[in-house]
Amino acid sequence: MKKCVVALGSKNPVKVYAVSRTMRLLCNPQVVAVDVSSGVNAQPCGLIETLLGALNRASQALASVDNAEYGVGIEAGIFLIDDLALDLQVAVIVDRNNRVSIGFSQAFMMPNEWVNELVRGVELAEIASKVLSRPNIGRRLGLIGYLTQGLVTRTMLSESALIMALIPRLNPHLYKLPCLDELRTKLLKAIQDDDTCSRIRLNTK
């Protein structure tokens, strides 16, 4: 299998491990982790904002590492269904042809009492670390690891999202991947039109 350099838009060890494992489906990866900005709120709210954050991380990472063939961004965010908030991870892979592939992890419900804080923009990791007395929970098993007693971990969610993002690249004859700039433009337009998180007032009692 050919070797490749993969630029990851995060130095979180959970994400580094997930990328180093899953990208083996495509190549023999050397993962270079770089600090980049997601360009979205610290706690993304809605699928569009979460996807945009992952896209920004992937594209900036690729631009930061000259010899990288792929840029990867992983962003965790919440999306709302009525008065429920669910957490999921979004993975984006960008290549040197500026083509983008996308994947999502499984989603799980947030505790009801946390929803209003999440909608206001308080980071999930901050809430979970405080309420559960688990410092840096996002850099270990993650909230999902705590809630499932270790059956599912944050690494597993990251890997799941990445594997989904790899599907078009493993089956290129079936897919025409979107262009980075066109997709970003559409997402920026869509996020301006989506005021769900800013206007919603959830009754979580």
C-alpha atoms as a PDB file:
ATOM      1  CA  MET A   1       0.000   0.000   0.000  1.00  0.00           C
ATOM      2  CA  LYS A   2       1.326   3.439  -0.903  1.00  0.00           C
ATOM      3  CA  LYS A   3       2.471   5.845   1.781  1.00  0.00           C
ATOM      4  CA  CYS A   4       0.747   9.196   2.211  1.00  0.00           C
ATOM      5  CA  VAL A   5       0.949  12.228   4.451  1.00  0.00           C
ATOM      6  CA  VAL A   6      -2.323  13.186   6.100  1.00  0.00           C
ATOM      7  CA  ALA A   7      -2.717  16.624   7.681  1.00  0.00           C
ATOM      8  CA  LEU A   8      -5.132  16.645  10.614  1.00  0.00           C
ATOM      9  CA  GLY A   9      -6.683  19.900  11.768  1.00  0.00           C
ATOM     10  CA  SER A  10      -6.343  19.138  15.478  1.00  0.00           C
ATOM     11  CA  LYS A  11      -3.766  17.950  17.998  1.00  0.00           C
ATOM     12  CA  ASN A  12      -6.344  16.130  20.103  1.00  0.00           C
ATOM     13  CA  PRO A  13      -4.825  12.671  20.725  1.00  0.00           C
ATOM     14  CA  VAL A  14      -8.209  10.991  20.268  1.00  0.00           C
ATOM     15  CA  LYS A  15      -8.495  12.394  16.747  1.00  0.00           C
ATOM     16  CA  VAL A  16      -4.866  11.635  15.897  1.00  0.00           C
ATOM     17  CA  TYR A  17      -5.341   7.998  16.864  1.00  0.00           C
ATOM     18  CA  ALA A  18      -8.617   7.710  14.970  1.00  0.00           C
ATOM     19  CA  VAL A  19      -7.121   9.165  11.785  1.00  0.00           C
ATOM     20  CA  SER A  20      -4.004   6.991  11.974  1.00  0.00           C
ATOM     21  CA  ARG A  21      -6.207   3.882  12.178  1.00  0.00           C
ATOM     22  CA  THR A  22      -8.927   4.637   9.659  1.00  0.00           C
ATOM     23  CA  MET A  23      -6.814   6.188   6.899  1.00  0.00           C
ATOM     24  CA  ARG A  24      -5.083   2.810   6.597  1.00  0.00           C
ATOM     25  CA  LEU A  25      -8.054   1.823   4.466  1.00  0.00           C
ATOM     26  CA  LEU A  26      -6.784   4.263   1.831  1.00  0.00           C
ATOM     27  CA  CYS A  27      -3.013   4.391   2.288  1.00  0.00           C
ATOM     28  CA  ASN A  28      -0.187   3.906   4.760  1.00  0.00           C
ATOM     29  CA  PRO A  29      -0.617   7.227   6.589  1.00  0.00           C
ATOM     30  CA  GLN A  30       1.835   9.524   8.266  1.00  0.00           C
ATOM     31  CA  VAL A  31      -0.399  11.817  10.308  1.00  0.00           C
ATOM     32  CA  VAL A  32       0.755  15.394  10.866  1.00  0.00           C
ATOM     33  CA  ALA A  33      -1.394  17.140  13.461  1.00  0.00           C
ATOM     34  CA  VAL A  34      -1.639  20.930  13.281  1.00  0.00           C
ATOM     35  CA  ASP A  35      -3.537  23.519  15.299  1.00  0.00           C
ATOM     36  CA  VAL A  36      -6.084  25.313  13.130  1.00  0.00           C
ATOM     37  CA  SER A  37      -9.266  27.272  13.689  1.00  0.00           C
ATOM     38  CA  SER A  38     -12.644  25.715  12.974  1.00  0.00           C
ATOM     39  CA  GLY A  39     -13.997  29.129  11.998  1.00  0.00           C
ATOM     40  CA  VAL A  40     -17.266  28.384  13.797  1.00  0.00           C
ATOM     41  CA  ASN A  41     -18.522  28.675  17.360  1.00  0.00           C
ATOM     42  CA  ALA A  42     -16.680  26.713  20.035  1.00  0.00           C
ATOM     43  CA  GLN A  43     -19.857  24.647  20.427  1.00  0.00           C
ATOM     44  CA  PRO A  44     -21.271  24.179  16.928  1.00  0.00           C
ATOM     45  CA  CYS A  45     -25.059  23.986  16.799  1.00  0.00           C
ATOM     46  CA  GLY A  46     -26.734  22.411  13.802  1.00  0.00           C
ATOM     47  CA  LEU A  47     -25.492  20.075  11.093  1.00  0.00           C
ATOM     48  CA  ILE A  48     -24.496  22.943   8.798  1.00  0.00           C
ATOM     49  CA  GLU A  49     -22.272  24.710  11.328  1.00  0.00           C
ATOM     50  CA  THR A  50     -20.690  21.443  12.450  1.00  0.00           C
ATOM     51  CA  LEU A  51     -19.973  20.437   8.856  1.00  0.00           C
ATOM     52  CA  LEU A  52     -18.519  23.866   8.100  1.00  0.00           C
ATOM     53  CA  GLY A  53     -16.209  23.563  11.114  1.00  0.00           C
ATOM     54  CA  ALA A  54     -14.917  20.191   9.935  1.00  0.00           C
ATOM     55  CA  LEU A  55     -14.479  21.518   6.391  1.00  0.00           C
ATOM     56  CA  ASN A  56     -12.495  24.519   7.617  1.00  0.00           C
ATOM     57  CA  ARG A  57     -10.247  22.313   9.734  1.00  0.00           C
ATOM     58  CA  ALA A  58      -9.561  19.950   6.844  1.00  0.00           C
ATOM     59  CA  SER A  59      -8.784  22.667   4.295  1.00  0.00           C
ATOM     60  CA  GLN A  60      -6.568  24.665   6.667  1.00  0.00           C
ATOM     61  CA  ALA A  61      -4.674  21.559   7.715  1.00  0.00           C
ATOM     62  CA  LEU A  62      -4.011  20.634   4.082  1.00  0.00           C
ATOM     63  CA  ALA A  63      -2.800  24.165   3.342  1.00  0.00           C
ATOM     64  CA  SER A  64      -0.462  24.048   6.366  1.00  0.00           C
ATOM     65  CA  VAL A  65       1.404  20.867   5.413  1.00  0.00           C
ATOM     66  CA  ASP A  66       3.091  21.192   2.017  1.00  0.00           C
ATOM     67  CA  ASN A  67       3.613  17.497   1.343  1.00  0.00           C
ATOM     68  CA  ALA A  68       0.216  16.314   2.585  1.00  0.00           C
ATOM     69  CA  GLU A  69      -2.046  14.518   0.123  1.00  0.00           C
ATOM     70  CA  TYR A  70      -5.111  14.802   2.314  1.00  0.00           C
ATOM     71  CA  GLY A  71      -6.459  17.184   4.911  1.00  0.00           C
ATOM     72  CA  VAL A  72      -8.796  15.843   7.587  1.00  0.00           C
ATOM     73  CA  GLY A  73     -11.139  17.755   9.849  1.00  0.00           C
ATOM     74  CA  ILE A  74     -13.270  16.279  12.620  1.00  0.00           C
ATOM     75  CA  GLU A  75     -15.832  18.437  14.397  1.00  0.00           C
ATOM     76  CA  ALA A  76     -18.288  17.480  17.121  1.00  0.00           C
ATOM     77  CA  GLY A  77     -21.550  19.393  17.336  1.00  0.00           C
ATOM     78  CA  ILE A  78     -25.166  19.170  18.342  1.00  0.00           C
ATOM     79  CA  PHE A  79     -28.313  19.217  16.269  1.00  0.00           C
ATOM     80  CA  LEU A  80     -31.830  19.836  17.479  1.00  0.00           C
ATOM     81  CA  ILE A  81     -35.034  17.867  17.090  1.00  0.00           C
ATOM     82  CA  ASP A  82     -37.856  19.715  18.809  1.00  0.00           C
ATOM     83  CA  ASP A  83     -36.692  20.053  22.436  1.00  0.00           C
ATOM     84  CA  LEU A  84     -34.001  17.391  22.129  1.00  0.00           C
ATOM     85  CA  ALA A  85     -30.312  17.907  21.403  1.00  0.00           C
ATOM     86  CA  LEU A  86     -28.212  15.135  19.911  1.00  0.00           C
ATOM     87  CA  ASP A  87     -24.434  15.051  19.639  1.00  0.00           C
ATOM     88  CA  LEU A  88     -22.536  13.698  16.661  1.00  0.00           C
ATOM     89  CA  GLN A  89     -19.191  13.988  14.925  1.00  0.00           C
ATOM     90  CA  VAL A  90     -18.596  15.104  11.354  1.00  0.00           C
ATOM     91  CA  ALA A  91     -15.495  14.119   9.388  1.00  0.00           C
ATOM     92  CA  VAL A  92     -14.298  15.834   6.216  1.00  0.00           C
ATOM     93  CA  ILE A  93     -11.474  14.707   3.935  1.00  0.00           C
ATOM     94  CA  VAL A  94     -10.063  17.151   1.362  1.00  0.00           C
ATOM     95  CA  ASP A  95      -7.531  16.186  -1.311  1.00  0.00           C
ATOM     96  CA  ARG A  96      -5.120  18.197  -3.476  1.00  0.00           C
ATOM     97  CA  ASN A  97      -7.735  18.406  -6.209  1.00  0.00           C
ATOM     98  CA  ASN A  98      -9.936  20.304  -3.724  1.00  0.00           C
ATOM     99  CA  ARG A  99     -12.470  17.488  -3.703  1.00  0.00           C
ATOM    100  CA  VAL A 100     -14.369  16.817  -0.505  1.00  0.00           C
ATOM    101  CA  SER A 101     -15.812  13.692   1.077  1.00  0.00           C
ATOM    102  CA  ILE A 102     -17.997  13.767   4.185  1.00  0.00           C
ATOM    103  CA  GLY A 103     -19.033  11.335   6.905  1.00  0.00           C
ATOM    104  CA  PHE A 104     -21.130  11.386  10.060  1.00  0.00           C
ATOM    105  CA  SER A 105     -20.936   9.314  13.221  1.00  0.00           C
ATOM    106  CA  GLN A 106     -23.777   7.884  15.243  1.00  0.00           C
ATOM    107  CA  ALA A 107     -25.694  10.488  17.253  1.00  0.00           C
ATOM    108  CA  PHE A 108     -26.787  10.311  20.879  1.00  0.00           C
ATOM    109  CA  MET A 109     -29.099  12.389  23.045  1.00  0.00           C
ATOM    110  CA  MET A 110     -27.818  15.026  25.435  1.00  0.00           C
ATOM    111  CA  PRO A 111     -29.078  15.173  29.039  1.00  0.00           C
ATOM    112  CA  ASN A 112     -32.118  17.460  29.115  1.00  0.00           C
ATOM    113  CA  GLU A 113     -30.707  19.878  31.680  1.00  0.00           C
ATOM    114  CA  TRP A 114     -27.707  20.600  29.440  1.00  0.00           C
ATOM    115  CA  VAL A 115     -29.633  21.606  26.331  1.00  0.00           C
ATOM    116  CA  ASN A 116     -30.172  25.308  27.054  1.00  0.00           C
ATOM    117  CA  GLU A 117     -26.492  25.805  27.875  1.00  0.00           C
ATOM    118  CA  LEU A 118     -25.469  24.017  24.684  1.00  0.00           C
ATOM    119  CA  VAL A 119     -27.789  26.164  22.576  1.00  0.00           C
ATOM    120  CA  ARG A 120     -26.269  29.279  24.178  1.00  0.00           C
ATOM    121  CA  GLY A 121     -22.850  28.092  23.029  1.00  0.00           C
ATOM    122  CA  VAL A 122     -21.313  26.555  26.147  1.00  0.00           C
ATOM    123  CA  GLU A 123     -19.011  23.733  25.050  1.00  0.00           C
ATOM    124  CA  LEU A 124     -20.203  20.208  25.725  1.00  0.00           C
ATOM    125  CA  ALA A 125     -16.800  19.198  27.094  1.00  0.00           C
ATOM    126  CA  GLU A 126     -16.951  22.069  29.589  1.00  0.00           C
ATOM    127  CA  ILE A 127     -20.412  21.083  30.813  1.00  0.00           C
ATOM    128  CA  ALA A 128     -19.585  17.384  31.004  1.00  0.00           C
ATOM    129  CA  SER A 129     -16.265  17.928  32.774  1.00  0.00           C
ATOM    130  CA  LYS A 130     -17.944  20.107  35.388  1.00  0.00           C
ATOM    131  CA  VAL A 131     -21.093  18.063  35.996  1.00  0.00           C
ATOM    132  CA  LEU A 132     -19.395  14.663  35.923  1.00  0.00           C
ATOM    133  CA  SER A 133     -16.145  15.775  37.596  1.00  0.00           C
ATOM    134  CA  ARG A 134     -14.131  14.397  34.684  1.00  0.00           C
ATOM    135  CA  PRO A 135     -11.466  16.950  33.664  1.00  0.00           C
ATOM    136  CA  ASN A 136     -10.487  16.892  29.983  1.00  0.00           C
ATOM    137  CA  ILE A 137     -13.186  14.339  29.229  1.00  0.00           C
ATOM    138  CA  GLY A 138     -12.990  15.182  25.524  1.00  0.00           C
ATOM    139  CA  ARG A 139      -9.350  14.084  25.306  1.00  0.00           C
ATOM    140  CA  ARG A 140     -10.013  10.643  26.779  1.00  0.00           C
ATOM    141  CA  LEU A 141     -13.007   8.322  26.439  1.00  0.00           C
ATOM    142  CA  GLY A 142     -15.291  11.274  25.815  1.00  0.00           C
ATOM    143  CA  LEU A 143     -18.773  11.820  27.167  1.00  0.00           C
ATOM    144  CA  ILE A 144     -20.028   8.859  25.140  1.00  0.00           C
ATOM    145  CA  GLY A 145     -17.465   6.646  26.882  1.00  0.00           C
ATOM    146  CA  TYR A 146     -18.718   7.740  30.281  1.00  0.00           C
ATOM    147  CA  LEU A 147     -22.390   7.338  29.374  1.00  0.00           C
ATOM    148  CA  THR A 148     -21.909   3.864  27.859  1.00  0.00           C
ATOM    149  CA  GLN A 149     -19.510   2.682  30.569  1.00  0.00           C
ATOM    150  CA  GLY A 150     -16.765   2.360  27.989  1.00  0.00           C
ATOM    151  CA  LEU A 151     -18.766   0.326  25.474  1.00  0.00           C
ATOM    152  CA  VAL A 152     -18.525   3.172  22.933  1.00  0.00           C
ATOM    153  CA  THR A 153     -15.754   5.779  23.074  1.00  0.00           C
ATOM    154  CA  ARG A 154     -15.098   9.108  21.425  1.00  0.00           C
ATOM    155  CA  THR A 155     -12.389   7.444  19.360  1.00  0.00           C
ATOM    156  CA  MET A 156     -14.957   5.021  17.988  1.00  0.00           C
ATOM    157  CA  LEU A 157     -17.269   7.882  16.982  1.00  0.00           C
ATOM    158  CA  SER A 158     -14.401   9.659  15.233  1.00  0.00           C
ATOM    159  CA  GLU A 159     -13.453   6.459  13.434  1.00  0.00           C
ATOM    160  CA  SER A 160     -17.058   5.854  12.406  1.00  0.00           C
ATOM    161  CA  ALA A 161     -17.364   9.327  10.875  1.00  0.00           C
ATOM    162  CA  LEU A 162     -14.021   8.935   9.098  1.00  0.00           C
ATOM    163  CA  ILE A 163     -14.910   5.544   7.647  1.00  0.00           C
ATOM    164  CA  MET A 164     -18.117   7.035   6.251  1.00  0.00           C
ATOM    165  CA  ALA A 165     -16.059   9.863   4.714  1.00  0.00           C
ATOM    166  CA  LEU A 166     -13.736   7.309   3.135  1.00  0.00           C
ATOM    167  CA  ILE A 167     -16.501   5.425   1.321  1.00  0.00           C
ATOM    168  CA  PRO A 168     -16.469   7.645  -1.821  1.00  0.00           C
ATOM    169  CA  ARG A 169     -12.673   7.474  -1.951  1.00  0.00           C
ATOM    170  CA  LEU A 170     -12.697   3.694  -1.743  1.00  0.00           C
ATOM    171  CA  ASN A 171     -15.308   3.573  -4.517  1.00  0.00           C
ATOM    172  CA  PRO A 172     -14.354   6.476  -6.810  1.00  0.00           C
ATOM    173  CA  HIS A 173     -16.194   5.012  -9.790  1.00  0.00           C
ATOM    174  CA  LEU A 174     -19.485   5.585  -7.977  1.00  0.00           C
ATOM    175  CA  TYR A 175     -19.022   9.169  -6.804  1.00  0.00           C
ATOM    176  CA  LYS A 176     -18.450  12.666  -8.110  1.00  0.00           C
ATOM    177  CA  LEU A 177     -17.088  14.575  -5.139  1.00  0.00           C
ATOM    178  CA  PRO A 178     -18.044  18.213  -4.511  1.00  0.00           C
ATOM    179  CA  CYS A 179     -15.541  21.030  -4.929  1.00  0.00           C
ATOM    180  CA  LEU A 180     -14.208  22.603  -1.730  1.00  0.00           C
ATOM    181  CA  ASP A 181     -14.893  26.241  -2.609  1.00  0.00           C
ATOM    182  CA  GLU A 182     -18.372  25.586  -3.970  1.00  0.00           C
ATOM    183  CA  LEU A 183     -19.352  23.553  -0.923  1.00  0.00           C
ATOM    184  CA  ARG A 184     -18.011  26.177   1.491  1.00  0.00           C
ATOM    185  CA  THR A 185     -19.944  28.917  -0.317  1.00  0.00           C
ATOM    186  CA  LYS A 186     -23.155  26.910  -0.092  1.00  0.00           C
ATOM    187  CA  LEU A 187     -22.608  26.165   3.595  1.00  0.00           C
ATOM    188  CA  LEU A 188     -21.930  29.824   4.408  1.00  0.00           C
ATOM    189  CA  LYS A 189     -25.147  30.790   2.640  1.00  0.00           C
ATOM    190  CA  ALA A 190     -27.099  28.044   4.378  1.00  0.00           C
ATOM    191  CA  ILE A 191     -25.792  28.945   7.823  1.00  0.00           C
ATOM    192  CA  GLN A 192     -26.974  32.545   7.368  1.00  0.00           C
ATOM    193  CA  ASP A 193     -30.457  31.278   6.586  1.00  0.00           C
ATOM    194  CA  ASP A 194     -30.525  28.804   9.490  1.00  0.00           C
ATOM    195  CA  ASP A 195     -31.376  30.609  12.718  1.00  0.00           C
ATOM    196  CA  THR A 196     -32.608  27.517  14.569  1.00  0.00           C
ATOM    197  CA  CYS A 197     -30.095  27.700  17.385  1.00  0.00           C
ATOM    198  CA  SER A 198     -30.353  31.458  17.828  1.00  0.00           C
ATOM    199  CA  ARG A 199     -34.143  31.644  18.016  1.00  0.00           C
ATOM    200  CA  ILE A 200     -35.121  28.401  19.715  1.00  0.00           C
ATOM    201  CA  ARG A 201     -36.324  28.493  23.306  1.00  0.00           C
ATOM    202  CA  LEU A 202     -36.407  24.964  24.591  1.00  0.00           C
ATOM    203  CA  ASN A 203     -38.563  23.768  27.460  1.00  0.00           C
ATOM    204  CA  THR A 204     -36.480  21.038  29.065  1.00  0.00           C
ATOM    205  CA  LYS A 205     -38.406  20.600  32.257  1.00  0.00           C
END
